Amino acid sequence: MMGTANLTLVARLARDPELRTTSNGTSVCSLTLPVDTGFGDNKTTTWWTATLWGKRAEAAANYLRKGAWVSVSGPARIRQYDKRDGSAGFSAEVDASSWEFVGNKSDNEAPAASSSSGGQRHAMSGDMKDLPF
């Protein structure tokens, strides 16, 4: 039986979120996330598009900006399309069921490696000192 691949991406936004509204009034937000694999001469970048819907889309458009570290999770898919020159192109997409800030806005480095607490994750609303633990 085939299933849907769910994944979590952590990357710095390549551009500001793009918010739009469908004809029936649903908010849709697109995030562009470059994810690097390898290093040196073997480094490659896959450009992912994360799509958020409804209140999640509106929150992302309000709080996220180009350069922010963000984590998105959801089902992934690769789509094939025809380029203008007739060759096949591919797009990597994730239908994000959730997103989180990761790290600080002033961070110049990638977030710390994952730990049981998830590294430097910040709540979307409120100050960290307001948390009950």
N, C-alpha and C. Protein backbone atom coordinates (compact mmCIF):
# COMPACT_ATOMS: atom_id res chain seq x y z
N MET A 1 0.85 -1.17 0.00
CA MET A 1 0.00 0.00 0.00
C MET A 1 0.90 1.23 0.00
N MET A 2 0.58 2.20 -0.84
CA MET A 2 1.34 3.44 -0.94
C MET A 2 0.79 4.46 0.04
N GLY A 3 1.67 5.21 0.66
CA GLY A 3 1.27 6.26 1.59
C GLY A 3 1.85 7.59 1.17
N THR A 4 1.47 8.61 1.88
CA THR A 4 1.99 9.94 1.62
C THR A 4 3.21 10.17 2.50
N ALA A 5 4.27 10.69 1.91
CA ALA A 5 5.48 10.98 2.68
C ALA A 5 5.29 12.29 3.42
N ASN A 6 5.41 12.25 4.74
CA ASN A 6 5.39 13.47 5.55
C ASN A 6 6.82 13.83 5.89
N LEU A 7 7.10 15.11 5.86
CA LEU A 7 8.45 15.54 6.21
C LEU A 7 8.41 16.85 6.96
N THR A 8 9.52 17.15 7.59
CA THR A 8 9.71 18.42 8.27
C THR A 8 10.93 19.08 7.65
N LEU A 9 10.77 20.31 7.20
CA LEU A 9 11.87 21.09 6.63
C LEU A 9 12.21 22.22 7.57
N VAL A 10 13.49 22.46 7.76
CA VAL A 10 13.97 23.62 8.53
C VAL A 10 14.88 24.40 7.61
N ALA A 11 14.51 25.64 7.34
CA ALA A 11 15.28 26.45 6.40
C ALA A 11 15.01 27.93 6.66
N ARG A 12 15.84 28.75 6.07
CA ARG A 12 15.66 30.20 6.13
C ARG A 12 14.83 30.60 4.91
N LEU A 13 13.77 31.40 5.13
CA LEU A 13 12.91 31.80 4.02
C LEU A 13 13.69 32.58 2.95
N ALA A 14 13.49 32.20 1.70
CA ALA A 14 14.19 32.85 0.60
C ALA A 14 13.55 34.17 0.19
N ARG A 15 12.27 34.33 0.54
CA ARG A 15 11.55 35.58 0.23
C ARG A 15 10.41 35.73 1.22
N ASP A 16 9.80 36.91 1.24
CA ASP A 16 8.65 37.13 2.10
C ASP A 16 7.51 36.18 1.71
N PRO A 17 6.68 35.77 2.67
CA PRO A 17 5.53 34.92 2.35
C PRO A 17 4.61 35.61 1.34
N GLU A 18 4.01 34.82 0.48
CA GLU A 18 3.07 35.33 -0.52
C GLU A 18 1.66 34.90 -0.11
N LEU A 19 0.85 35.86 0.33
CA LEU A 19 -0.52 35.58 0.78
C LEU A 19 -1.50 35.94 -0.33
N ARG A 20 -2.44 35.05 -0.57
CA ARG A 20 -3.51 35.32 -1.53
C ARG A 20 -4.79 34.70 -0.98
N THR A 21 -5.90 34.96 -1.64
CA THR A 21 -7.19 34.45 -1.19
C THR A 21 -7.86 33.73 -2.36
N THR A 22 -8.43 32.55 -2.08
CA THR A 22 -9.14 31.82 -3.12
C THR A 22 -10.47 32.50 -3.42
N SER A 23 -11.13 32.08 -4.46
CA SER A 23 -12.41 32.68 -4.84
C SER A 23 -13.49 32.50 -3.77
N ASN A 24 -13.35 31.47 -2.92
CA ASN A 24 -14.33 31.28 -1.84
C ASN A 24 -13.89 31.91 -0.52
N GLY A 25 -12.81 32.72 -0.55
CA GLY A 25 -12.40 33.47 0.64
C GLY A 25 -11.39 32.80 1.54
N THR A 26 -10.85 31.65 1.15
CA THR A 26 -9.85 30.95 1.97
C THR A 26 -8.47 31.55 1.75
N SER A 27 -7.75 31.85 2.83
CA SER A 27 -6.39 32.38 2.74
C SER A 27 -5.41 31.27 2.40
N VAL A 28 -4.47 31.57 1.50
CA VAL A 28 -3.43 30.63 1.09
C VAL A 28 -2.11 31.38 1.12
N CYS A 29 -1.09 30.79 1.74
CA CYS A 29 0.22 31.43 1.83
C CYS A 29 1.28 30.46 1.31
N SER A 30 2.16 30.98 0.46
CA SER A 30 3.27 30.19 -0.07
C SER A 30 4.58 30.66 0.55
N LEU A 31 5.38 29.69 0.98
CA LEU A 31 6.71 29.96 1.52
C LEU A 31 7.74 29.30 0.61
N THR A 32 8.84 29.98 0.34
CA THR A 32 9.91 29.42 -0.49
C THR A 32 11.09 29.08 0.41
N LEU A 33 11.45 27.79 0.42
CA LEU A 33 12.48 27.28 1.33
C LEU A 33 13.59 26.57 0.56
N PRO A 34 14.80 27.12 0.54
CA PRO A 34 15.92 26.40 -0.07
C PRO A 34 16.53 25.44 0.95
N VAL A 35 16.65 24.17 0.58
CA VAL A 35 17.21 23.16 1.47
C VAL A 35 18.46 22.60 0.81
N ASP A 36 19.61 22.78 1.47
CA ASP A 36 20.89 22.31 0.94
C ASP A 36 21.19 20.90 1.40
N THR A 37 21.80 20.11 0.50
CA THR A 37 22.32 18.80 0.86
C THR A 37 23.75 18.74 0.34
N GLY A 38 24.58 17.97 1.01
CA GLY A 38 25.97 17.87 0.63
C GLY A 38 26.74 19.11 1.03
N PHE A 39 28.00 19.18 0.59
CA PHE A 39 28.83 20.34 0.88
C PHE A 39 29.92 20.45 -0.18
N GLY A 40 30.55 21.60 -0.22
CA GLY A 40 31.62 21.83 -1.19
C GLY A 40 31.11 21.69 -2.62
N ASP A 41 31.90 20.99 -3.46
CA ASP A 41 31.51 20.79 -4.86
C ASP A 41 30.29 19.89 -5.00
N ASN A 42 29.95 19.15 -3.95
CA ASN A 42 28.80 18.24 -3.99
C ASN A 42 27.53 18.85 -3.41
N LYS A 43 27.56 20.13 -3.08
CA LYS A 43 26.40 20.79 -2.49
C LYS A 43 25.33 21.03 -3.56
N THR A 44 24.10 20.67 -3.24
CA THR A 44 22.97 20.96 -4.13
C THR A 44 21.86 21.59 -3.29
N THR A 45 21.06 22.40 -3.93
CA THR A 45 19.95 23.07 -3.26
C THR A 45 18.65 22.64 -3.91
N THR A 46 17.71 22.19 -3.09
CA THR A 46 16.36 21.87 -3.56
C THR A 46 15.46 22.99 -3.08
N TRP A 47 14.73 23.60 -4.00
CA TRP A 47 13.83 24.70 -3.67
C TRP A 47 12.44 24.13 -3.42
N TRP A 48 11.99 24.20 -2.17
CA TRP A 48 10.68 23.70 -1.77
C TRP A 48 9.69 24.85 -1.68
N THR A 49 8.46 24.58 -2.06
CA THR A 49 7.36 25.51 -1.85
C THR A 49 6.45 24.90 -0.79
N ALA A 50 6.28 25.60 0.32
CA ALA A 50 5.37 25.15 1.38
C ALA A 50 4.09 25.96 1.26
N THR A 51 2.95 25.27 1.27
CA THR A 51 1.66 25.94 1.17
C THR A 51 0.91 25.80 2.48
N LEU A 52 0.45 26.92 3.01
CA LEU A 52 -0.33 26.96 4.24
C LEU A 52 -1.73 27.46 3.91
N TRP A 53 -2.72 27.02 4.67
CA TRP A 53 -4.12 27.37 4.41
C TRP A 53 -4.77 27.98 5.64
N GLY A 54 -5.77 28.82 5.42
CA GLY A 54 -6.62 29.36 6.48
C GLY A 54 -5.86 30.24 7.47
N LYS A 55 -6.14 30.02 8.78
CA LYS A 55 -5.52 30.83 9.84
C LYS A 55 -4.01 30.66 9.87
N ARG A 56 -3.52 29.44 9.57
CA ARG A 56 -2.07 29.23 9.53
C ARG A 56 -1.43 30.11 8.46
N ALA A 57 -2.10 30.25 7.33
CA ALA A 57 -1.59 31.08 6.24
C ALA A 57 -1.54 32.54 6.67
N GLU A 58 -2.59 33.02 7.30
CA GLU A 58 -2.65 34.41 7.74
C GLU A 58 -1.58 34.70 8.78
N ALA A 59 -1.39 33.78 9.73
CA ALA A 59 -0.38 33.97 10.77
C ALA A 59 1.02 34.01 10.16
N ALA A 60 1.29 33.10 9.23
CA ALA A 60 2.61 33.07 8.58
C ALA A 60 2.87 34.38 7.84
N ALA A 61 1.88 34.88 7.12
CA ALA A 61 2.05 36.14 6.38
C ALA A 61 2.28 37.31 7.33
N ASN A 62 1.67 37.27 8.51
CA ASN A 62 1.83 38.36 9.48
C ASN A 62 3.17 38.31 10.21
N TYR A 63 3.67 37.13 10.52
CA TYR A 63 4.84 37.00 11.39
C TYR A 63 6.14 36.66 10.70
N LEU A 64 6.11 36.06 9.52
CA LEU A 64 7.34 35.63 8.86
C LEU A 64 7.81 36.65 7.85
N ARG A 65 9.11 36.73 7.67
CA ARG A 65 9.74 37.59 6.68
C ARG A 65 10.93 36.86 6.07
N LYS A 66 11.37 37.34 4.93
CA LYS A 66 12.55 36.80 4.27
C LYS A 66 13.70 36.71 5.27
N GLY A 67 14.41 35.58 5.26
CA GLY A 67 15.55 35.38 6.14
C GLY A 67 15.23 34.71 7.46
N ALA A 68 13.95 34.61 7.82
CA ALA A 68 13.57 33.98 9.09
C ALA A 68 13.77 32.47 9.00
N TRP A 69 14.30 31.89 10.08
CA TRP A 69 14.38 30.44 10.17
C TRP A 69 13.00 29.91 10.53
N VAL A 70 12.54 28.92 9.79
CA VAL A 70 11.21 28.37 10.01
C VAL A 70 11.24 26.85 9.81
N SER A 71 10.37 26.17 10.52
CA SER A 71 10.18 24.74 10.36
C SER A 71 8.76 24.52 9.87
N VAL A 72 8.60 23.75 8.80
CA VAL A 72 7.28 23.41 8.28
C VAL A 72 7.17 21.90 8.20
N SER A 73 5.97 21.37 8.46
CA SER A 73 5.75 19.92 8.41
C SER A 73 4.48 19.62 7.65
N GLY A 74 4.50 18.51 6.92
CA GLY A 74 3.32 18.08 6.20
C GLY A 74 3.66 17.09 5.11
N PRO A 75 2.64 16.66 4.36
CA PRO A 75 2.87 15.72 3.26
C PRO A 75 3.63 16.38 2.12
N ALA A 76 4.57 15.62 1.53
CA ALA A 76 5.41 16.13 0.46
C ALA A 76 5.05 15.48 -0.87
N ARG A 77 5.35 16.22 -1.94
CA ARG A 77 5.16 15.65 -3.28
C ARG A 77 6.12 16.34 -4.24
N ILE A 78 6.47 15.63 -5.29
CA ILE A 78 7.27 16.18 -6.38
C ILE A 78 6.36 16.20 -7.60
N ARG A 79 6.25 17.36 -8.23
CA ARG A 79 5.41 17.49 -9.42
C ARG A 79 6.30 17.69 -10.64
N GLN A 80 5.88 17.08 -11.73
CA GLN A 80 6.58 17.27 -12.99
C GLN A 80 5.76 18.23 -13.85
N TYR A 81 6.46 19.12 -14.55
CA TYR A 81 5.79 20.06 -15.45
C TYR A 81 6.68 20.27 -16.68
N ASP A 82 6.10 20.84 -17.73
CA ASP A 82 6.84 21.13 -18.95
C ASP A 82 7.36 22.55 -18.90
N LYS A 83 8.68 22.70 -19.08
CA LYS A 83 9.30 24.02 -19.13
C LYS A 83 9.00 24.67 -20.48
N ARG A 84 9.28 25.95 -20.58
CA ARG A 84 9.04 26.69 -21.83
C ARG A 84 9.81 26.09 -23.00
N ASP A 85 11.01 25.56 -22.71
CA ASP A 85 11.82 24.98 -23.78
C ASP A 85 11.40 23.55 -24.13
N GLY A 86 10.35 23.04 -23.47
CA GLY A 86 9.84 21.71 -23.76
C GLY A 86 10.42 20.60 -22.89
N SER A 87 11.46 20.90 -22.13
CA SER A 87 12.05 19.89 -21.25
C SER A 87 11.21 19.73 -19.98
N ALA A 88 11.44 18.64 -19.29
CA ALA A 88 10.70 18.37 -18.06
C ALA A 88 11.31 19.13 -16.90
N GLY A 89 10.46 19.73 -16.09
CA GLY A 89 10.89 20.39 -14.87
C GLY A 89 10.21 19.73 -13.69
N PHE A 90 10.76 19.93 -12.51
CA PHE A 90 10.20 19.32 -11.31
C PHE A 90 10.07 20.38 -10.22
N SER A 91 9.02 20.28 -9.43
CA SER A 91 8.87 21.18 -8.29
C SER A 91 8.65 20.33 -7.04
N ALA A 92 9.30 20.74 -5.96
CA ALA A 92 9.18 20.05 -4.67
C ALA A 92 8.23 20.86 -3.81
N GLU A 93 7.18 20.22 -3.30
CA GLU A 93 6.14 20.93 -2.56
C GLU A 93 5.79 20.19 -1.28
N VAL A 94 5.41 20.97 -0.28
CA VAL A 94 4.89 20.41 0.97
C VAL A 94 3.62 21.16 1.33
N ASP A 95 2.56 20.41 1.61
CA ASP A 95 1.29 20.99 2.05
C ASP A 95 1.39 21.10 3.56
N ALA A 96 1.88 22.24 4.05
CA ALA A 96 2.26 22.39 5.45
C ALA A 96 1.06 22.39 6.38
N SER A 97 1.00 21.40 7.23
CA SER A 97 -0.06 21.33 8.23
C SER A 97 0.32 22.10 9.49
N SER A 98 1.62 22.46 9.60
CA SER A 98 2.07 23.27 10.74
C SER A 98 3.35 24.00 10.37
N TRP A 99 3.63 25.07 11.14
CA TRP A 99 4.89 25.80 11.00
C TRP A 99 5.27 26.37 12.35
N GLU A 100 6.58 26.61 12.52
CA GLU A 100 7.10 27.19 13.76
C GLU A 100 8.27 28.10 13.44
N PHE A 101 8.45 29.13 14.27
CA PHE A 101 9.70 29.89 14.25
C PHE A 101 10.78 28.96 14.78
N VAL A 102 11.99 29.09 14.26
CA VAL A 102 13.13 28.33 14.77
C VAL A 102 14.29 29.29 14.90
N GLY A 103 14.89 29.37 16.08
CA GLY A 103 16.01 30.27 16.29
C GLY A 103 15.54 31.69 16.55
N ASN A 104 16.49 32.60 16.59
CA ASN A 104 16.22 34.02 16.80
C ASN A 104 16.36 34.77 15.50
N LYS A 105 15.67 35.88 15.35
CA LYS A 105 15.77 36.69 14.14
C LYS A 105 17.21 37.16 13.94
N SER A 106 17.92 37.41 15.05
CA SER A 106 19.28 37.92 14.93
C SER A 106 20.30 36.81 14.69
N ASP A 107 19.86 35.54 14.70
CA ASP A 107 20.79 34.44 14.47
C ASP A 107 21.34 34.50 13.05
N ASN A 108 22.66 34.39 12.93
CA ASN A 108 23.27 34.31 11.61
C ASN A 108 23.58 32.88 11.23
N GLU A 109 23.51 31.99 12.20
CA GLU A 109 23.83 30.59 11.98
C GLU A 109 22.56 29.77 11.91
N ALA A 110 22.69 28.58 11.38
CA ALA A 110 21.56 27.65 11.34
C ALA A 110 21.19 27.27 12.77
N PRO A 111 19.96 26.85 13.00
CA PRO A 111 19.56 26.43 14.34
C PRO A 111 20.42 25.27 14.83
N ALA A 112 20.51 25.13 16.14
CA ALA A 112 21.29 24.05 16.73
C ALA A 112 20.73 22.71 16.31
N ALA A 113 21.57 21.69 16.33
CA ALA A 113 21.11 20.34 16.00
C ALA A 113 19.95 19.97 16.92
N SER A 114 19.09 19.12 16.43
CA SER A 114 17.89 18.81 17.21
C SER A 114 18.25 18.17 18.54
N SER A 115 17.44 18.47 19.52
CA SER A 115 17.58 17.89 20.84
C SER A 115 16.19 17.50 21.28
N SER A 116 16.07 16.95 22.47
CA SER A 116 14.75 16.54 22.93
C SER A 116 13.80 17.72 23.06
N SER A 117 14.35 18.92 23.25
CA SER A 117 13.50 20.10 23.36
C SER A 117 13.27 20.77 22.02
N GLY A 118 13.91 20.24 20.95
CA GLY A 118 13.70 20.80 19.63
C GLY A 118 14.57 22.00 19.33
N GLY A 119 15.66 22.20 20.06
CA GLY A 119 16.54 23.33 19.78
C GLY A 119 15.94 24.63 20.28
N GLN A 120 16.23 25.71 19.59
CA GLN A 120 15.76 27.02 20.01
C GLN A 120 14.43 27.33 19.33
N ARG A 121 13.37 26.75 19.79
CA ARG A 121 12.07 26.99 19.19
C ARG A 121 11.34 28.05 19.99
N HIS A 122 10.61 28.90 19.30
CA HIS A 122 9.90 29.98 19.93
C HIS A 122 8.42 29.85 19.67
N ALA A 123 7.65 30.10 20.68
CA ALA A 123 6.19 30.05 20.55
C ALA A 123 5.74 31.18 19.64
N MET A 124 4.68 30.94 18.88
CA MET A 124 4.20 31.95 17.95
C MET A 124 3.57 33.12 18.69
N SER A 125 3.00 32.90 19.86
CA SER A 125 2.38 33.99 20.59
C SER A 125 2.93 34.03 22.01
N GLY A 126 3.23 35.23 22.47
CA GLY A 126 3.69 35.41 23.84
C GLY A 126 5.20 35.31 23.95
N ASP A 127 5.67 35.65 25.12
CA ASP A 127 7.09 35.65 25.43
C ASP A 127 7.44 34.32 26.06
N MET A 128 8.66 33.84 25.85
CA MET A 128 9.11 32.56 26.39
C MET A 128 9.01 32.53 27.91
N LYS A 129 9.19 33.68 28.59
CA LYS A 129 9.14 33.68 30.04
C LYS A 129 7.70 33.48 30.57
N ASP A 130 6.71 33.57 29.67
CA ASP A 130 5.33 33.34 30.06
C ASP A 130 4.95 31.86 30.05
N LEU A 131 5.85 31.01 29.56
CA LEU A 131 5.54 29.58 29.50
C LEU A 131 5.54 29.00 30.92
N PRO A 132 4.69 28.00 31.20
CA PRO A 132 4.55 27.47 32.54
C PRO A 132 5.64 26.49 32.96
N PHE A 133 6.69 26.33 32.19
CA PHE A 133 7.77 25.41 32.57
C PHE A 133 9.11 26.04 32.38
